[in-house]
Amino acid sequence: MQLNPLKMVFRMNVIAKNISGTGLKIGIVLSRFNHAIGEGLLEACKDKLLALGVKSDDVTIATVPGALETPLILQHMALSDRYDALIALGAMVRGETYHFEVVSNESARGISEVQQSTGLPVANAILTTEDDDQALARMKIKGAEAAEVAIEMHHLIQTTQDY
């Protein structure tokens, strides 16, 4: 009798989601442009970090003028070896010029480059929206999600290094 390989049972290693922030050090870079939205993102992010077990003393917040300056400070924080994960917070609301696309694309590219070149996870919660209402509607959710993503990615990286 020949076995059907499609019906064979394989053992798979499944890495469980881990969002425990206990003992983790988190760096946050907050863009001051669109200040009110940024502050809403930061408040939601801090609340979620604390709820997940990160101590307030283990969170460092650096502010920068705008989204284009964010990747540089993230890179310096990543290279300092003082953080387990980083978070980028800010908001860009579409205007009437092409500047929105330039800033959106370049800040996202820079943030991705930081995490890829350093191996340190960076949760990108720089909102890019059509108007203020969209940004206000998303700021609490995205701020909290960024906290969870940063912690989860830290643990995922640690776990995959053990395999």
Protein backbone atom coordinates (compact mmCIF):
# COMPACT_ATOMS: atom_id res chain seq x y z
CA MET A 1 0.00 0.00 0.00
CA GLN A 2 1.36 3.40 -0.99
CA LEU A 3 0.97 6.36 1.36
CA ASN A 4 -0.61 9.52 0.05
CA PRO A 5 1.84 12.32 0.99
CA LEU A 6 -1.01 14.82 1.06
CA LYS A 7 -2.64 12.92 3.93
CA MET A 8 0.51 12.52 6.01
CA VAL A 9 0.64 14.47 9.25
CA PHE A 10 3.66 16.67 9.75
CA ARG A 11 4.82 18.14 13.00
CA MET A 12 5.27 21.87 12.68
CA ASN A 13 6.86 24.36 14.99
CA VAL A 14 4.49 27.23 15.57
CA ILE A 15 5.83 30.30 17.30
CA ALA A 16 3.22 31.68 19.65
CA LYS A 17 2.46 35.38 19.85
CA ASN A 18 4.15 36.95 22.87
CA ILE A 19 3.25 40.48 23.89
CA SER A 20 4.68 40.53 27.40
CA GLY A 21 6.59 43.75 27.87
CA THR A 22 8.10 42.77 31.21
CA GLY A 23 11.75 43.78 31.35
CA LEU A 24 11.82 45.39 27.90
CA LYS A 25 13.31 48.77 27.10
CA ILE A 26 11.44 50.72 24.44
CA GLY A 27 12.51 53.82 22.51
CA ILE A 28 9.91 56.09 20.94
CA VAL A 29 10.52 58.80 18.35
CA LEU A 30 7.64 61.27 18.11
CA SER A 31 7.27 63.78 15.30
CA ARG A 32 6.08 67.16 16.56
CA PHE A 33 4.43 68.03 13.24
CA ASN A 34 0.65 67.68 13.64
CA HIS A 35 1.22 67.93 17.38
CA ALA A 36 -2.30 67.07 18.64
CA ILE A 37 -2.45 63.85 16.63
CA GLY A 38 1.07 62.91 17.68
CA GLU A 39 0.19 63.43 21.34
CA GLY A 40 -2.87 61.19 20.92
CA LEU A 41 -0.71 58.48 19.36
CA LEU A 42 1.82 58.81 22.17
CA GLU A 43 -0.79 58.62 24.94
CA ALA A 44 -2.35 55.47 23.48
CA CYS A 45 1.08 53.93 22.92
CA LYS A 46 2.28 54.66 26.47
CA ASP A 47 -0.95 53.30 27.97
CA LYS A 48 -0.62 50.07 25.99
CA LEU A 49 3.07 49.65 26.85
CA LEU A 50 2.27 49.96 30.55
CA ALA A 51 -0.68 47.56 30.22
CA LEU A 52 1.65 45.00 28.59
CA GLY A 53 4.13 45.21 31.48
CA VAL A 54 6.72 47.73 30.30
CA LYS A 55 7.83 49.98 33.17
CA SER A 56 7.56 53.71 32.56
CA ASP A 57 11.24 54.08 33.50
CA ASP A 58 12.09 51.71 30.64
CA VAL A 59 10.51 53.97 27.99
CA THR A 60 12.54 56.76 26.38
CA ILE A 61 10.82 59.37 24.22
CA ALA A 62 12.68 61.59 21.76
CA THR A 63 10.85 64.23 19.76
CA VAL A 64 11.83 65.43 16.31
CA PRO A 65 10.53 68.26 14.12
CA GLY A 66 8.91 66.01 11.50
CA ALA A 67 8.63 62.59 9.90
CA LEU A 68 11.75 63.01 7.74
CA GLU A 69 13.89 63.43 10.86
CA THR A 70 12.47 60.32 12.51
CA PRO A 71 14.66 57.65 10.82
CA LEU A 72 17.92 59.34 11.83
CA ILE A 73 17.05 59.36 15.53
CA LEU A 74 15.69 55.81 15.30
CA GLN A 75 19.01 54.76 13.81
CA HIS A 76 21.00 56.37 16.63
CA MET A 77 18.73 54.74 19.21
CA ALA A 78 19.05 51.35 17.49
CA LEU A 79 22.85 51.57 17.38
CA SER A 80 23.04 52.51 21.07
CA ASP A 81 22.18 48.92 22.13
CA ARG A 82 19.95 50.34 24.90
CA TYR A 83 16.58 49.28 23.46
CA ASP A 84 14.77 46.04 22.74
CA ALA A 85 12.40 47.68 20.24
CA LEU A 86 11.61 51.10 18.81
CA ILE A 87 8.41 52.91 17.85
CA ALA A 88 7.93 55.74 15.35
CA LEU A 89 4.93 58.01 15.98
CA GLY A 90 3.62 60.94 13.96
CA ALA A 91 1.05 62.09 11.46
CA MET A 92 1.08 63.44 7.94
CA VAL A 93 -2.11 64.83 6.49
CA ARG A 94 -2.35 65.24 2.74
CA GLY A 95 -2.04 68.80 1.52
CA GLU A 96 -2.37 70.36 -1.89
CA THR A 97 1.18 69.64 -3.05
CA TYR A 98 3.40 66.65 -3.86
CA HIS A 99 5.30 67.19 -0.59
CA PHE A 100 2.97 64.73 1.19
CA GLU A 101 4.06 61.86 -1.07
CA VAL A 102 7.74 62.70 -0.70
CA VAL A 103 7.61 62.85 3.09
CA SER A 104 5.39 59.77 3.39
CA ASN A 105 7.51 57.62 1.12
CA GLU A 106 10.90 58.75 2.38
CA SER A 107 10.06 58.47 6.07
CA ALA A 108 8.64 54.96 5.56
CA ARG A 109 11.71 53.94 3.54
CA GLY A 110 14.03 55.32 6.19
CA ILE A 111 12.21 53.55 9.01
CA SER A 112 12.33 50.25 7.12
CA GLU A 113 16.05 50.71 6.47
CA VAL A 114 16.72 51.23 10.18
CA GLN A 115 15.15 47.96 11.20
CA GLN A 116 16.63 46.02 8.30
CA SER A 117 20.16 47.35 8.78
CA THR A 118 20.23 47.04 12.57
CA GLY A 119 18.00 44.02 13.19
CA LEU A 120 16.07 45.95 15.83
CA PRO A 121 12.30 45.99 15.34
CA VAL A 122 10.70 49.37 14.62
CA ALA A 123 6.93 49.70 14.75
CA ASN A 124 5.91 52.37 12.25
CA ALA A 125 2.88 54.35 13.45
CA ILE A 126 3.39 57.46 11.39
CA LEU A 127 -0.10 57.99 10.07
CA THR A 128 -0.61 59.10 6.48
CA THR A 129 -4.17 60.31 6.00
CA GLU A 130 -6.29 62.36 3.65
CA ASP A 131 -7.57 64.70 6.37
CA ASP A 132 -7.48 65.47 10.09
CA ASP A 133 -10.66 63.50 10.77
CA GLN A 134 -9.07 60.29 9.48
CA ALA A 135 -5.99 60.88 11.64
CA LEU A 136 -8.04 61.60 14.74
CA ALA A 137 -10.12 58.48 14.17
CA ARG A 138 -6.99 56.30 13.92
CA MET A 139 -4.62 57.77 16.49
CA LYS A 140 -5.72 55.80 19.57
CA ILE A 141 -5.90 52.49 17.71
CA LYS A 142 -2.60 52.90 15.86
CA GLY A 143 -0.75 54.19 18.93
CA ALA A 144 -1.78 51.11 20.90
CA GLU A 145 -1.08 48.78 17.98
CA ALA A 146 2.45 50.17 17.66
CA ALA A 147 3.20 49.22 21.26
CA GLU A 148 1.97 45.69 20.70
CA VAL A 149 3.82 45.29 17.38
CA ALA A 150 7.13 46.46 18.85
CA ILE A 151 6.92 43.97 21.72
CA GLU A 152 5.70 41.09 19.57
CA MET A 153 8.45 41.61 17.01
CA HIS A 154 11.13 41.73 19.71
CA HIS A 155 10.00 38.35 21.03
CA LEU A 156 9.64 36.89 17.55
CA ILE A 157 13.21 37.86 16.68
CA GLN A 158 14.50 36.37 19.94
CA THR A 159 12.58 33.15 19.38
CA THR A 160 13.65 32.71 15.76
CA GLN A 161 17.28 33.07 16.79
CA ASP A 162 16.81 30.01 19.03
CA TYR A 163 15.77 27.75 16.13
